[in-house]
Protein backbone atom coordinates (compact mmCIF):
# COMPACT_ATOMS: atom_id res chain seq x y z
CA MET A 1 -2.26 24.77 -3.08
CA ARG A 2 -4.96 27.40 -2.57
CA PHE A 3 -7.25 26.97 0.44
CA SER A 4 -10.47 28.78 1.23
CA ARG A 5 -11.59 29.29 4.80
CA ARG A 6 -14.41 26.79 4.58
CA ILE A 7 -13.65 23.73 6.72
CA PHE A 8 -16.25 20.98 6.97
CA VAL A 9 -16.17 18.38 9.71
CA SER A 10 -18.21 15.27 8.92
CA VAL A 11 -18.84 12.55 11.47
CA GLY A 12 -20.57 10.07 9.19
CA GLY A 13 -19.61 6.88 10.95
CA CYS A 14 -22.39 6.29 13.46
CA TYR A 15 -26.09 6.96 13.63
CA LEU A 16 -28.57 6.46 16.47
CA CYS A 17 -26.61 3.91 18.52
CA CYS A 18 -23.58 6.06 19.19
CA GLN A 19 -25.82 9.06 19.77
CA GLY A 20 -28.18 7.19 22.06
CA ALA A 21 -31.29 7.89 19.99
CA VAL A 22 -32.49 4.28 19.98
CA LYS A 23 -33.02 2.59 23.33
CA GLY A 24 -33.68 -1.06 24.13
CA LEU A 25 -32.27 -2.24 21.29
CA GLY A 26 4.04 -8.87 20.86
CA SER A 27 4.24 -9.73 17.09
CA ALA A 28 3.53 -7.59 14.06
CA PHE A 29 1.94 -8.81 10.83
CA GLU A 30 2.19 -7.09 7.46
CA LEU A 31 0.32 -7.53 4.22
CA ALA A 32 0.05 -5.82 0.84
CA GLY A 33 2.26 -3.25 -0.85
CA SER A 34 5.73 -4.74 -0.85
CA VAL A 35 7.17 -7.35 1.48
CA GLY A 36 9.29 -5.98 4.30
CA GLU A 37 8.16 -2.36 4.15
CA MET A 38 6.96 -0.82 7.38
CA PRO A 39 3.54 0.84 7.43
CA LYS A 40 3.51 4.30 5.89
CA SER A 41 0.88 5.85 8.14
CA SER A 42 1.69 9.53 8.30
CA PRO A 43 2.14 11.56 11.48
CA GLY A 44 -0.68 14.00 12.16
CA LEU A 45 -3.39 12.12 10.25
CA THR A 46 -6.31 11.34 12.54
CA TYR A 47 -8.01 9.05 9.99
CA PRO A 48 -5.25 7.16 8.15
CA VAL A 49 -6.74 4.80 5.57
CA ALA A 50 -5.12 1.36 5.58
CA ASP A 51 -4.35 -0.31 2.25
CA THR A 52 -6.81 -2.91 0.92
CA GLY A 53 -4.15 -5.63 0.68
CA GLN A 54 -4.85 -6.28 -3.00
CA GLU A 55 -1.57 -7.18 -4.74
CA ARG A 56 -2.66 -8.86 -7.98
CA PHE A 57 -3.82 -7.36 -11.28
CA PHE A 58 -6.98 -8.19 -13.22
CA ASP A 59 -8.66 -7.46 -16.52
CA ASN A 60 -12.42 -7.73 -16.91
CA PHE A 61 -12.40 -11.42 -16.01
CA GLU A 62 -9.15 -12.84 -14.65
CA GLU A 63 -5.67 -12.21 -13.30
CA ILE A 64 -3.18 -10.61 -15.69
CA ASP A 65 0.40 -9.37 -15.72
CA ARG A 66 0.99 -5.90 -14.36
CA PRO A 67 -0.24 -3.21 -16.81
CA GLU A 68 1.95 -0.16 -17.29
CA ILE A 69 1.04 3.51 -17.73
CA GLY A 70 -0.91 3.90 -20.97
CA ASP A 71 -2.01 0.26 -21.02
CA ALA A 72 -5.58 -0.88 -20.62
CA PHE A 73 -6.37 -1.62 -16.96
CA PHE A 74 -3.61 0.61 -15.64
CA GLY A 75 -4.45 2.43 -12.42
CA GLN A 76 -6.17 -0.36 -10.51
CA ASP A 77 -5.82 -1.02 -6.80
CA ALA A 78 -2.62 -3.11 -6.88
CA HIS A 79 -0.70 -0.32 -8.66
CA PHE A 80 -0.77 1.86 -5.55
CA ARG A 81 0.72 1.24 -2.13
CA GLY A 82 -1.05 2.93 0.72
CA ASN A 83 -0.56 2.52 4.45
CA LEU A 84 0.41 -1.14 4.62
CA PRO A 85 -1.74 -3.13 7.06
CA SER A 86 0.28 -3.89 10.19
CA TYR A 87 -0.98 -5.50 13.38
CA GLN A 88 0.51 -6.24 16.78
CA ASP A 89 -0.80 -9.21 18.75
CA ASN A 90 -0.50 -8.00 22.34
CA GLY A 91 -0.73 -11.51 23.80
CA ASP A 92 -3.64 -10.58 26.08
CA GLY A 93 -6.59 -11.13 23.77
CA THR A 94 -6.15 -7.78 22.03
CA VAL A 95 -4.66 -6.71 18.67
CA THR A 96 -3.36 -3.21 17.95
CA ASP A 97 -3.66 -1.81 14.44
CA LEU A 98 -0.39 0.08 13.95
CA VAL A 99 -1.85 2.10 11.08
CA THR A 100 -5.13 3.33 12.54
CA GLY A 101 -4.23 3.36 16.23
CA LEU A 102 -7.30 1.27 17.06
CA MET A 103 -7.11 -1.65 19.48
CA TRP A 104 -9.37 -4.62 18.73
CA GLU A 105 -10.49 -7.79 20.41
CA LYS A 106 -8.64 -10.72 18.88
CA GLY A 107 -11.65 -12.98 19.43
CA TYR A 108 -15.37 -12.43 19.07
CA ARG A 109 -18.74 -13.32 20.51
CA VAL A 110 -22.01 -14.18 18.72
CA VAL A 111 -24.82 -12.10 20.21
CA SER A 112 -27.76 -9.88 19.31
CA TRP A 113 -27.66 -6.11 18.97
CA GLU A 114 -29.05 -5.60 22.49
CA GLU A 115 -26.70 -8.19 23.98
CA ALA A 116 -23.74 -6.54 22.24
CA ARG A 117 -24.57 -3.15 23.74
CA ARG A 118 -24.68 -4.58 27.24
CA ALA A 119 -21.50 -6.62 26.71
CA ALA A 120 -19.59 -3.54 25.54
CA ASP A 121 -20.53 -1.67 28.71
CA SER A 122 -19.25 -4.49 30.92
CA CYS A 123 -16.19 -5.55 28.91
CA ARG A 124 -12.92 -5.29 30.86
CA LEU A 125 -10.64 -7.14 28.45
CA ALA A 126 -6.91 -6.61 29.15
CA GLY A 127 -7.80 -4.25 31.99
CA PHE A 128 -9.48 -1.59 29.80
CA ASP A 129 -12.98 -0.32 30.52
CA ASP A 130 -13.54 1.81 27.40
CA TRP A 131 -14.44 -0.89 24.86
CA ARG A 132 -17.19 0.03 22.40
CA LEU A 133 -19.07 -1.26 19.40
CA PRO A 134 -17.17 0.02 16.33
CA THR A 135 -18.66 2.35 13.76
CA ILE A 136 -18.92 0.97 10.25
CA LYS A 137 -15.92 3.10 9.27
CA GLU A 138 -13.84 1.64 12.09
CA LEU A 139 -14.93 -1.87 11.06
CA TYR A 140 -14.08 -1.24 7.41
CA SER A 141 -10.49 -0.45 8.38
CA LEU A 142 -10.14 -4.24 8.91
CA VAL A 143 -11.32 -5.40 5.48
CA LEU A 144 -8.69 -6.88 3.17
CA PHE A 145 -9.33 -7.45 -0.53
CA SER A 146 -6.77 -10.21 -0.65
CA GLY A 147 -9.88 -12.18 0.32
CA VAL A 148 -11.77 -14.42 -2.09
CA ASP A 149 -15.57 -14.62 -1.85
CA PRO A 150 -16.84 -18.21 -1.32
CA SER A 151 -20.42 -17.48 -2.46
CA GLY A 152 -22.07 -20.02 -4.75
CA PRO A 153 -25.07 -22.32 -5.05
CA ASP A 154 -23.91 -24.44 -2.11
CA MET A 155 -23.69 -22.25 1.00
CA SER A 156 -23.09 -25.22 3.32
CA ARG A 157 -19.39 -25.79 2.66
CA VAL A 158 -16.32 -23.63 2.07
CA PRO A 159 -15.04 -24.11 -1.48
CA GLU A 160 -11.39 -24.51 -2.32
CA GLY A 161 -9.70 -21.18 -2.96
CA ALA A 162 -11.86 -19.13 -0.57
CA ARG A 163 -10.04 -16.69 1.73
CA PRO A 164 -11.46 -14.46 4.48
CA PHE A 165 -11.50 -10.69 4.04
CA ILE A 166 -9.72 -10.13 7.36
CA HIS A 167 -6.15 -10.63 8.56
CA PRO A 168 -5.30 -14.04 10.11
CA VAL A 169 -4.16 -12.38 13.35
CA PHE A 170 -7.88 -12.22 14.19
CA ASP A 171 -10.00 -15.23 15.12
CA PHE A 172 -12.31 -16.12 12.25
CA GLN A 173 -14.78 -18.86 11.34
CA TYR A 174 -16.98 -19.15 8.27
CA GLY A 175 -20.65 -19.17 9.26
CA SER A 176 -19.91 -17.97 12.79
CA ASN A 177 -23.33 -16.35 13.26
CA GLY A 178 -25.61 -18.22 10.87
CA PRO A 179 -26.25 -21.39 8.85
CA ARG A 180 -24.55 -20.21 5.65
CA ILE A 181 -20.78 -20.06 5.22
CA ILE A 182 -21.11 -16.34 4.40
CA ASP A 183 -22.83 -15.60 7.70
CA THR A 184 -19.86 -13.89 9.36
CA GLN A 185 -21.27 -10.39 9.68
CA LEU A 186 -19.34 -8.12 12.05
CA LEU A 187 -21.69 -5.77 13.88
CA SER A 188 -21.23 -1.99 13.93
CA CYS A 189 -23.03 0.70 15.94
CA THR A 190 -24.07 2.51 12.75
CA LEU A 191 -27.84 2.36 12.39
CA ARG A 192 -30.50 3.55 10.01
CA ARG A 193 -34.27 3.34 9.98
CA PHE A 194 -35.87 1.50 7.08
CA ARG A 195 -39.64 1.31 6.75
CA GLY A 196 -39.95 2.30 10.38
CA GLN A 197 -37.66 -0.43 11.69
CA PRO A 198 -34.06 -0.23 12.99
CA PHE A 199 -31.41 -1.70 10.69
CA VAL A 200 -27.73 -1.90 11.57
CA TYR A 201 -24.73 -1.82 9.21
CA GLY A 202 -22.39 -4.76 9.24
CA LEU A 203 -19.19 -5.80 7.49
CA ASN A 204 -19.23 -9.33 6.11
CA VAL A 205 -15.66 -10.61 6.37
CA ALA A 206 -16.60 -13.90 4.69
CA ASP A 207 -17.73 -12.35 1.38
CA GLY A 208 -16.27 -8.82 1.59
CA ARG A 209 -19.32 -6.53 1.57
CA ILE A 210 -21.17 -3.90 3.65
CA LYS A 211 -24.94 -3.80 4.03
CA SER A 212 -27.54 -3.02 6.67
CA TYR A 213 -29.33 -5.82 8.51
CA PRO A 214 -32.59 -5.86 10.46
CA VAL A 215 -32.07 -5.82 14.20
CA ILE A 216 -35.17 -8.01 14.51
CA GLU A 217 -35.65 -10.78 11.94
CA ARG A 218 -38.92 -11.62 10.19
CA GLY A 219 -40.00 -14.17 12.78
CA GLY A 220 -39.60 -11.64 15.59
CA SER A 221 -36.34 -13.02 16.98
CA ALA A 222 -33.25 -10.88 17.49
CA LYS A 223 -30.67 -11.36 14.74
CA LYS A 224 -27.31 -12.70 15.88
CA PHE A 225 -24.06 -11.07 14.76
CA THR A 226 -20.35 -11.70 15.12
CA VAL A 227 -19.21 -8.97 17.52
CA ARG A 228 -15.69 -7.64 18.05
CA PHE A 229 -15.18 -4.58 20.27
CA VAL A 230 -12.72 -1.74 19.70
CA ARG A 231 -11.09 1.05 21.69
CA GLY A 232 -8.72 3.98 21.04
CA ASN A 233 -8.41 6.77 18.43
CA PRO A 234 -11.76 8.52 19.00
CA ASP A 235 -11.22 10.62 15.84
CA TYR A 236 -11.06 7.65 13.47
CA GLY A 237 -13.73 7.98 10.78
CA LYS A 238 -14.18 11.73 11.25
CA ASN A 239 -13.44 13.74 8.11
CA ARG A 240 -12.04 17.28 8.05
CA PHE A 241 -12.92 18.61 4.61
CA VAL A 242 -11.48 21.81 3.14
CA ASP A 243 -12.99 23.30 -0.01
CA ASN A 244 -9.95 24.54 -1.92
CA GLY A 245 -12.04 26.77 -4.19
CA ASP A 246 -10.61 25.20 -7.34
CA GLY A 247 -12.84 22.17 -7.87
CA THR A 248 -11.01 20.04 -5.29
CA ILE A 249 -11.71 19.03 -1.69
CA THR A 250 -8.94 18.06 0.73
CA ASP A 251 -9.60 15.82 3.71
CA LEU A 252 -7.09 16.87 6.35
CA ALA A 253 -7.92 13.75 8.38
CA THR A 254 -6.91 11.25 5.67
CA GLY A 255 -4.44 13.25 3.56
CA LEU A 256 -6.52 12.67 0.41
CA MET A 257 -7.65 15.23 -2.17
CA TRP A 258 -10.90 14.60 -4.04
CA GLU A 259 -12.73 16.00 -7.00
CA LYS A 260 -15.53 18.23 -5.78
CA GLY A 261 -17.64 16.98 -8.69
CA ASP A 262 -17.96 13.58 -10.30
CA SER A 263 -17.90 12.08 -13.78
CA GLY A 264 -21.52 13.05 -14.43
CA LYS A 265 -22.05 9.79 -16.29
CA GLY A 266 -21.74 6.06 -15.80
CA MET A 267 -19.08 3.87 -17.40
CA THR A 268 -17.68 0.35 -17.21
CA TRP A 269 -14.79 -0.47 -14.89
CA SER A 270 -12.14 -0.41 -17.64
CA GLU A 271 -13.55 2.89 -18.91
CA ALA A 272 -13.31 4.28 -15.38
CA LEU A 273 -9.62 3.36 -15.20
CA GLU A 274 -9.04 4.95 -18.62
CA TRP A 275 -11.00 8.03 -17.51
CA ALA A 276 -8.39 8.63 -14.80
CA GLN A 277 -5.54 8.28 -17.31
CA GLN A 278 -7.23 10.75 -19.66
CA LYS A 279 -7.67 13.26 -16.84
CA ASN A 280 -4.00 12.98 -15.94
CA ARG A 281 -2.91 13.60 -19.53
CA SER A 282 -4.95 16.82 -19.50
CA LYS A 283 -3.72 17.87 -16.02
CA HIS A 284 -7.28 17.85 -14.69
CA LEU A 285 -7.76 20.66 -12.13
CA GLY A 286 -4.00 21.27 -12.31
CA TYR A 287 -2.80 17.77 -11.33
CA SER A 288 -1.54 14.73 -13.22
CA ASP A 289 -1.66 12.07 -10.50
CA TRP A 290 -5.38 11.40 -10.17
CA ARG A 291 -6.53 7.82 -9.71
CA LEU A 292 -9.64 5.78 -9.22
CA PRO A 293 -9.92 5.39 -5.41
CA ASP A 294 -9.59 1.98 -3.85
CA ALA A 295 -12.47 0.59 -1.80
CA LYS A 296 -11.25 1.89 1.55
CA GLU A 297 -10.42 5.34 0.22
CA LEU A 298 -13.88 5.78 -1.30
CA GLN A 299 -15.65 4.46 1.79
CA SER A 300 -13.77 7.07 3.85
CA ILE A 301 -15.94 9.87 2.38
CA VAL A 302 -19.28 8.11 2.79
CA ASP A 303 -21.52 10.00 5.23
CA TYR A 304 -23.88 7.43 6.79
CA LEU A 305 -25.64 10.08 8.90
CA ARG A 306 -26.67 12.60 6.25
CA PRO A 307 -29.40 10.53 4.49
CA GLN A 308 -30.98 9.96 7.92
CA GLU A 309 -30.96 13.64 8.86
CA GLU A 310 -31.82 14.89 5.35
CA PRO A 311 -34.11 12.37 3.60
CA GLY A 312 -33.34 12.34 -0.10
CA ALA A 313 -29.76 13.59 0.32
CA PRO A 314 -26.76 11.58 -0.93
CA ALA A 315 -24.47 9.78 1.54
CA ILE A 316 -21.70 12.36 1.19
CA ALA A 317 -21.01 15.74 2.82
CA ASP A 318 -22.71 18.67 1.12
CA VAL A 319 -19.33 20.23 0.29
CA PHE A 320 -19.27 17.72 -2.61
CA HIS A 321 -21.46 17.68 -5.70
CA CYS A 322 -23.17 14.35 -6.37
CA THR A 323 -25.01 13.95 -9.69
CA PRO A 324 -28.65 12.90 -9.19
CA ILE A 325 -30.10 10.00 -11.19
CA ILE A 326 -33.47 8.28 -11.58
CA ASN A 327 -33.13 4.78 -10.20
CA GLU A 328 -34.69 1.47 -11.21
CA ALA A 329 -37.76 2.19 -9.07
CA GLY A 330 -38.34 5.51 -10.85
CA ARG A 331 -37.23 7.59 -7.85
CA LYS A 332 -34.68 10.39 -7.64
CA ASP A 333 -31.49 8.84 -6.32
CA TYR A 334 -27.70 9.02 -6.47
CA PRO A 335 -25.19 6.77 -8.25
CA TYR A 336 -23.07 3.81 -7.38
CA PHE A 337 -19.38 4.77 -7.69
CA TRP A 338 -16.62 2.49 -8.92
CA THR A 339 -13.46 1.77 -6.99
CA SER A 340 -10.17 0.47 -8.38
CA THR A 341 -10.57 -2.71 -6.29
CA THR A 342 -11.45 -6.06 -7.84
CA HIS A 343 -13.87 -8.20 -5.84
CA GLU A 344 -12.46 -11.67 -6.41
CA SER A 345 -14.63 -14.73 -5.93
CA VAL A 346 -14.24 -18.49 -6.28
CA ARG A 347 -17.14 -18.63 -8.71
CA ARG A 348 -16.46 -15.57 -10.90
CA GLY A 349 -12.73 -15.01 -10.55
CA GLY A 350 -11.87 -11.36 -11.18
CA ALA A 351 -15.02 -10.49 -13.14
CA ASP A 352 -16.43 -8.09 -10.52
CA ALA A 353 -15.25 -4.80 -9.01
CA VAL A 354 -16.21 -3.03 -5.81
CA TYR A 355 -18.60 -0.09 -5.76
CA LEU A 356 -20.04 2.10 -2.98
CA CYS A 357 -23.65 3.31 -2.91
CA PHE A 358 -24.01 7.06 -2.44
CA GLY A 359 -27.76 6.70 -2.76
CA GLU A 360 -30.06 3.78 -2.13
CA GLY A 361 -28.55 0.29 -1.89
CA LEU A 362 -31.13 -1.33 -4.13
CA GLY A 363 -32.16 -4.95 -4.37
CA TYR A 364 -35.11 -6.62 -6.08
CA PHE A 365 -36.55 -7.92 -2.85
CA ALA A 366 -39.84 -9.55 -1.91
CA PRO A 367 -40.72 -8.56 1.65
CA MET A 368 -43.05 -11.07 3.29
CA GLY A 369 -43.84 -12.83 0.02
CA ALA A 370 -44.83 -9.68 -1.89
CA PRO A 371 -43.83 -9.26 -5.56
CA ARG A 372 -40.17 -8.43 -6.08
CA GLU A 373 -39.49 -4.73 -6.38
CA PRO A 374 -36.37 -2.56 -6.19
CA ILE A 375 -36.14 -1.32 -2.61
CA ASP A 376 -33.36 0.20 -0.50
CA ILE A 377 -32.64 -3.08 1.23
CA HIS A 378 -28.88 -2.53 1.73
CA GLY A 379 -28.89 1.16 2.64
CA PRO A 380 -26.92 4.26 1.56
CA GLY A 381 -23.21 3.60 1.99
CA ALA A 382 -23.51 -0.11 1.25
CA GLN A 383 -20.49 -1.67 -0.46
CA ARG A 384 -21.27 -4.30 -3.06
CA SER A 385 -19.80 -5.46 -6.39
CA ASP A 386 -20.85 -5.25 -10.04
CA PRO A 387 -19.70 -7.06 -13.18
CA LYS A 388 -16.91 -5.03 -14.74
CA THR A 389 -18.51 -5.23 -18.17
CA GLY A 390 -21.71 -6.46 -19.80
CA ASP A 391 -25.33 -5.45 -20.27
CA PRO A 392 -27.41 -4.52 -17.20
CA LYS A 393 -30.50 -5.76 -19.07
CA ALA A 394 -29.15 -9.28 -18.60
CA PHE A 395 -30.03 -8.90 -14.89
CA PRO A 396 -33.70 -7.86 -14.90
CA ARG A 397 -34.13 -8.95 -11.27
CA GLY A 398 -30.60 -8.32 -10.07
CA ARG A 399 -28.42 -11.05 -8.63
CA GLY A 400 -27.57 -12.63 -5.32
CA PRO A 401 -29.86 -13.62 -2.45
CA GLN A 402 -31.49 -10.18 -2.29
CA GLY A 403 -31.46 -9.34 -5.99
CA ASP A 404 -28.77 -6.66 -5.94
CA VAL A 405 -29.51 -4.17 -8.72
CA VAL A 406 -26.82 -4.50 -11.41
CA ARG A 407 -25.84 -1.29 -13.20
CA ILE A 408 -22.31 -1.96 -14.55
CA PHE A 409 -22.18 1.66 -15.78
CA ASN A 410 -21.20 3.34 -12.54
CA PHE A 411 -19.92 6.84 -11.80
CA VAL A 412 -16.41 8.01 -10.90
CA ARG A 413 -14.96 10.44 -8.35
CA LEU A 414 -11.17 10.73 -8.65
CA VAL A 415 -8.70 11.04 -5.78
CA ARG A 416 -5.04 11.88 -5.23
CA THR A 417 -2.76 11.87 -2.19
CA VAL A 418 -1.56 15.19 -0.77
CA ASP A 419 -0.01 14.10 2.53
CA ALA A 420 3.60 15.23 2.46
CA ALA A 421 4.83 12.17 4.34
CA ASN A 422 3.40 9.88 1.66
CA PRO A 423 3.76 11.94 -1.55
CA GLY A 424 1.76 10.88 -4.58
CA ASN A 425 0.95 7.40 -3.26
CA GLY A 426 2.38 6.54 -6.64
CA PRO A 427 2.45 3.23 -8.46
CA GLY A 428 4.22 0.56 -6.47
């Protein structure tokens, strides 16, 4: 491998809160991969990315048998085993993540942003005094895509087949911080300003998505969140990018190598999987083990700080190239990028896949009764889901409670594993 001397350190996990710019406001569990394997977190990695926990295979609509190399739908999330999620319940109200090195509260509280900040300062759980609100990258280490989204017309009851997007070692309750069953939004310290107001990123472990939420709701009351504090591994979420000078970027913190560029065009989910296979057949940039990243891998390179410091910039370090687009509002923007991860739901089965926003997180929203228009309601770095196939014109006002813009033809940035202790991260 050929390295240049350009090393880029990106701390994209926390904005405003963590920097203080806004004031007043015993037993181990294993999932995913293969049963009985110990976690494969590699020594020396400061930002090991835990596996998503997705073990089943899907086509554009439903579960299928395992595809093989050369088949349609080969290269999706369940083909690759990463660092298997592994947790230790310490028996004192805390849970240690044996992959990331983070220690979490087993339980939670339901409080506002301001109340959470004060509670973190005074928390002395298990005798530790260094508890903090997690960044959105720390929070996302907990998400598991073995979950099944319960969303549907009736948000008052949990439908059969729903599963939380978090490991059962943690306390969980549907609707813990709101009237709907999907109101289980874990609070982070990662903030952005939207239309002059503070918004905070949260991870919804009921429906498996990231978005930003207003700190103060429309009526003027403080929004309540489900809050779980964290401690340990202060380097988690901090990238260490090296430009290799050959069209690739290595992150020394995660052990992942990325394309410096992207696909330059949008495609359906199945086309994205095939794109990776085509690139491997041609030994793209000298390698034949590229893959579509899973949801956690792709989120690891999101820079939540950059769009705040450089308005109009994509949510990714400037060592990467990100193709600009014109979005649905007619503004210069940056694409949604596919992951290899299916977003399973009770209502739609396996018809959707996860994407990350590297530009605006658009929704056709009607603020204060105004006409619906595409606005950046979710924020750069939001994680949502799109239909794997279809016609975007069938969704002229998006879908979901906030009219998520539906593109279907999303971009691709390929990844491969370079960490010597976990070579190839090959098909499991």
